[in-house]
Amino acid sequence: HKRIQTFITTTDIHDFKDLKSVQFISCEGGKVQYGQP
């Protein structure tokens, strides 16, 4: 899957309380997942 490094500044993300800790977005099977490398 692809890993896209980005800085997330959207209020639509509720999976992480600290958005600054999110380092990449991975898109798998149409599902967008956020996490740390």
C-alpha atoms as a PDB file:
ATOM      1  CA  HIS A   1       0.000   0.000   0.000  1.00  0.00           C
ATOM      2  CA  LYS A   2       1.008   3.596  -0.471  1.00  0.00           C
ATOM      3  CA  ARG A   3       2.304   5.765   2.345  1.00  0.00           C
ATOM      4  CA  ILE A   4       1.835   9.469   1.909  1.00  0.00           C
ATOM      5  CA  GLN A   5       3.681  11.760   4.301  1.00  0.00           C
ATOM      6  CA  THR A   6       1.514  14.744   5.102  1.00  0.00           C
ATOM      7  CA  PHE A   7       0.497  17.134   7.835  1.00  0.00           C
ATOM      8  CA  ILE A   8      -3.093  16.507   8.809  1.00  0.00           C
ATOM      9  CA  THR A   9      -5.116  19.607   9.578  1.00  0.00           C
ATOM     10  CA  THR A  10      -8.668  18.343   9.228  1.00  0.00           C
ATOM     11  CA  THR A  11     -11.280  18.136  11.958  1.00  0.00           C
ATOM     12  CA  ASP A  12     -12.850  15.091  10.326  1.00  0.00           C
ATOM     13  CA  ILE A  13     -10.301  12.766  11.931  1.00  0.00           C
ATOM     14  CA  HIS A  14     -11.326  11.429  15.316  1.00  0.00           C
ATOM     15  CA  ASP A  15      -9.129   8.321  15.408  1.00  0.00           C
ATOM     16  CA  PHE A  16      -6.217  10.227  16.925  1.00  0.00           C
ATOM     17  CA  LYS A  17      -6.494  12.712  19.754  1.00  0.00           C
ATOM     18  CA  ASP A  18      -3.079  14.135  18.948  1.00  0.00           C
ATOM     19  CA  LEU A  19      -3.062  14.742  15.210  1.00  0.00           C
ATOM     20  CA  LYS A  20       0.572  15.829  15.368  1.00  0.00           C
ATOM     21  CA  SER A  21       1.529  12.214  16.052  1.00  0.00           C
ATOM     22  CA  VAL A  22       0.093  11.080  12.732  1.00  0.00           C
ATOM     23  CA  GLN A  23       2.955  10.668  10.283  1.00  0.00           C
ATOM     24  CA  PHE A  24       1.362   9.016   7.274  1.00  0.00           C
ATOM     25  CA  ILE A  25      -1.867   8.070   5.579  1.00  0.00           C
ATOM     26  CA  SER A  26      -2.237   4.572   4.176  1.00  0.00           C
ATOM     27  CA  CYS A  27      -5.014   3.760   1.748  1.00  0.00           C
ATOM     28  CA  GLU A  28      -5.931   0.096   1.563  1.00  0.00           C
ATOM     29  CA  GLY A  29      -8.975  -1.283  -0.240  1.00  0.00           C
ATOM     30  CA  GLY A  30     -10.574   2.150  -0.311  1.00  0.00           C
ATOM     31  CA  LYS A  31     -10.112   2.538   3.439  1.00  0.00           C
ATOM     32  CA  VAL A  32      -7.967   5.399   4.656  1.00  0.00           C
ATOM     33  CA  GLN A  33      -5.913   4.616   7.734  1.00  0.00           C
ATOM     34  CA  TYR A  34      -3.708   6.923   9.791  1.00  0.00           C
ATOM     35  CA  GLY A  35      -0.751   5.902  11.882  1.00  0.00           C
ATOM     36  CA  GLN A  36       2.878   6.262  12.821  1.00  0.00           C
ATOM     37  CA  PRO A  37       5.772   4.863  10.760  1.00  0.00           C
END
